[in-house]
Amino acid sequence: MAEIKIVKKKPIWPWIVAILLIASVVYYVYLKDNEGHSENTVEIENTTSTDTTGN
């Protein structure tokens, strides 16, 4: 009789998890970069407004 070799498929879910993690890190870095610019703008506007009101 001939032997039939059964090869199990490798799971794909670790690749899906890895792609989601990489995508979330890229998304976080992108948002963090954009929030930093907007916070600086708001901070400058608030400081300017407070200084002109105080004088």
N, C-alpha and C. Protein backbone atom coordinates (compact mmCIF):
# COMPACT_ATOMS: atom_id res chain seq x y z
N MET A 1 0.83 -1.19 0.00
CA MET A 1 0.00 0.00 0.00
C MET A 1 0.87 1.25 0.00
N ALA A 2 0.33 2.30 -0.59
CA ALA A 2 1.05 3.57 -0.65
C ALA A 2 0.69 4.43 0.56
N GLU A 3 1.68 5.16 1.02
CA GLU A 3 1.41 6.06 2.14
C GLU A 3 0.88 7.38 1.62
N ILE A 4 -0.09 7.90 2.32
CA ILE A 4 -0.64 9.21 1.97
C ILE A 4 -0.20 10.18 3.07
N LYS A 5 0.61 11.13 2.68
CA LYS A 5 1.09 12.12 3.65
C LYS A 5 0.08 13.26 3.75
N ILE A 6 -0.31 13.53 4.96
CA ILE A 6 -1.26 14.62 5.21
C ILE A 6 -0.47 15.81 5.74
N VAL A 7 -0.57 16.92 5.03
CA VAL A 7 0.12 18.15 5.43
C VAL A 7 -0.93 19.11 5.96
N LYS A 8 -0.75 19.51 7.22
CA LYS A 8 -1.70 20.45 7.81
C LYS A 8 -1.41 21.86 7.31
N LYS A 9 -2.48 22.61 7.11
CA LYS A 9 -2.31 24.01 6.71
C LYS A 9 -1.86 24.83 7.91
N LYS A 10 -0.99 25.77 7.65
CA LYS A 10 -0.55 26.67 8.71
C LYS A 10 -1.65 27.70 8.95
N PRO A 11 -1.90 28.05 10.20
CA PRO A 11 -2.96 29.02 10.49
C PRO A 11 -2.60 30.41 9.96
N ILE A 12 -3.61 31.11 9.50
CA ILE A 12 -3.40 32.44 8.93
C ILE A 12 -3.65 33.53 9.98
N TRP A 13 -4.31 33.20 11.10
CA TRP A 13 -4.66 34.23 12.07
C TRP A 13 -3.46 34.94 12.68
N PRO A 14 -2.29 34.31 12.87
CA PRO A 14 -1.15 35.10 13.39
C PRO A 14 -0.74 36.22 12.43
N TRP A 15 -0.84 35.97 11.13
CA TRP A 15 -0.52 37.01 10.15
C TRP A 15 -1.53 38.15 10.22
N ILE A 16 -2.80 37.80 10.41
CA ILE A 16 -3.85 38.83 10.51
C ILE A 16 -3.61 39.69 11.75
N VAL A 17 -3.28 39.06 12.87
CA VAL A 17 -3.01 39.80 14.10
C VAL A 17 -1.79 40.70 13.93
N ALA A 18 -0.76 40.20 13.28
CA ALA A 18 0.45 41.01 13.07
C ALA A 18 0.16 42.22 12.19
N ILE A 19 -0.62 42.03 11.14
CA ILE A 19 -0.96 43.15 10.26
C ILE A 19 -1.80 44.18 11.00
N LEU A 20 -2.74 43.73 11.83
CA LEU A 20 -3.56 44.66 12.61
C LEU A 20 -2.71 45.43 13.62
N LEU A 21 -1.76 44.77 14.24
CA LEU A 21 -0.88 45.46 15.19
C LEU A 21 -0.02 46.52 14.50
N ILE A 22 0.53 46.17 13.37
CA ILE A 22 1.35 47.13 12.62
C ILE A 22 0.49 48.31 12.16
N ALA A 23 -0.70 48.02 11.68
CA ALA A 23 -1.60 49.09 11.23
C ALA A 23 -1.99 49.99 12.39
N SER A 24 -2.23 49.42 13.57
CA SER A 24 -2.61 50.24 14.72
C SER A 24 -1.46 51.11 15.19
N VAL A 25 -0.23 50.62 15.12
CA VAL A 25 0.93 51.43 15.50
C VAL A 25 1.11 52.59 14.53
N VAL A 26 0.98 52.31 13.24
CA VAL A 26 1.09 53.37 12.23
C VAL A 26 -0.01 54.40 12.43
N TYR A 27 -1.22 53.95 12.68
CA TYR A 27 -2.35 54.85 12.90
C TYR A 27 -2.12 55.71 14.15
N TYR A 28 -1.64 55.10 15.24
CA TYR A 28 -1.37 55.83 16.47
C TYR A 28 -0.31 56.90 16.25
N VAL A 29 0.77 56.54 15.56
CA VAL A 29 1.84 57.50 15.30
C VAL A 29 1.31 58.65 14.45
N TYR A 30 0.50 58.35 13.46
CA TYR A 30 -0.08 59.39 12.60
C TYR A 30 -0.97 60.33 13.41
N LEU A 31 -1.84 59.77 14.25
CA LEU A 31 -2.71 60.62 15.06
C LEU A 31 -1.92 61.41 16.10
N LYS A 32 -0.95 60.80 16.70
CA LYS A 32 -0.14 61.49 17.71
C LYS A 32 0.60 62.66 17.07
N ASP A 33 1.08 62.49 15.86
CA ASP A 33 1.77 63.55 15.14
C ASP A 33 0.82 64.70 14.84
N ASN A 34 -0.39 64.40 14.40
CA ASN A 34 -1.36 65.44 14.08
C ASN A 34 -1.87 66.13 15.34
N GLU A 35 -2.06 65.40 16.42
CA GLU A 35 -2.53 66.02 17.66
C GLU A 35 -1.48 66.97 18.22
N GLY A 36 -0.24 66.65 18.08
CA GLY A 36 0.83 67.51 18.58
C GLY A 36 0.81 68.86 17.90
N HIS A 37 0.57 68.90 16.61
CA HIS A 37 0.52 70.16 15.90
C HIS A 37 -0.70 70.98 16.31
N SER A 38 -1.85 70.34 16.45
CA SER A 38 -3.05 71.08 16.81
C SER A 38 -2.98 71.56 18.26
N GLU A 39 -2.36 70.78 19.16
CA GLU A 39 -2.23 71.22 20.54
C GLU A 39 -1.34 72.45 20.64
N ASN A 40 -0.28 72.50 19.87
CA ASN A 40 0.59 73.67 19.88
C ASN A 40 -0.16 74.90 19.40
N THR A 41 -0.97 74.73 18.38
CA THR A 41 -1.74 75.85 17.85
C THR A 41 -2.73 76.36 18.88
N VAL A 42 -3.44 75.46 19.53
CA VAL A 42 -4.42 75.85 20.55
C VAL A 42 -3.71 76.48 21.73
N GLU A 43 -2.61 75.95 22.12
CA GLU A 43 -1.86 76.47 23.25
C GLU A 43 -1.38 77.89 22.97
N ILE A 44 -0.92 78.17 21.80
CA ILE A 44 -0.47 79.50 21.43
C ILE A 44 -1.65 80.46 21.41
N GLU A 45 -2.78 80.02 20.86
CA GLU A 45 -3.96 80.89 20.82
C GLU A 45 -4.43 81.23 22.22
N ASN A 46 -4.48 80.24 23.12
CA ASN A 46 -4.93 80.50 24.49
C ASN A 46 -3.96 81.41 25.22
N THR A 47 -2.68 81.25 25.03
CA THR A 47 -1.69 82.09 25.70
C THR A 47 -1.81 83.52 25.21
N THR A 48 -1.99 83.69 23.90
CA THR A 48 -2.13 85.03 23.34
C THR A 48 -3.39 85.70 23.85
N SER A 49 -4.50 84.95 23.93
CA SER A 49 -5.75 85.51 24.39
C SER A 49 -5.65 85.93 25.85
N THR A 50 -5.00 85.13 26.67
CA THR A 50 -4.88 85.43 28.10
C THR A 50 -4.00 86.67 28.31
N ASP A 51 -2.93 86.77 27.53
CA ASP A 51 -2.04 87.92 27.68
C ASP A 51 -2.74 89.23 27.29
N THR A 52 -3.52 89.24 26.22
CA THR A 52 -4.17 90.48 25.79
C THR A 52 -5.30 90.84 26.75
N THR A 53 -5.95 89.87 27.36
CA THR A 53 -7.02 90.17 28.30
C THR A 53 -6.43 90.70 29.61
N GLY A 54 -5.30 90.19 30.02
CA GLY A 54 -4.68 90.60 31.27
C GLY A 54 -4.13 92.03 31.22
N ASN A 55 -3.79 92.51 30.05
CA ASN A 55 -3.20 93.86 29.94
C ASN A 55 -4.24 94.87 29.96
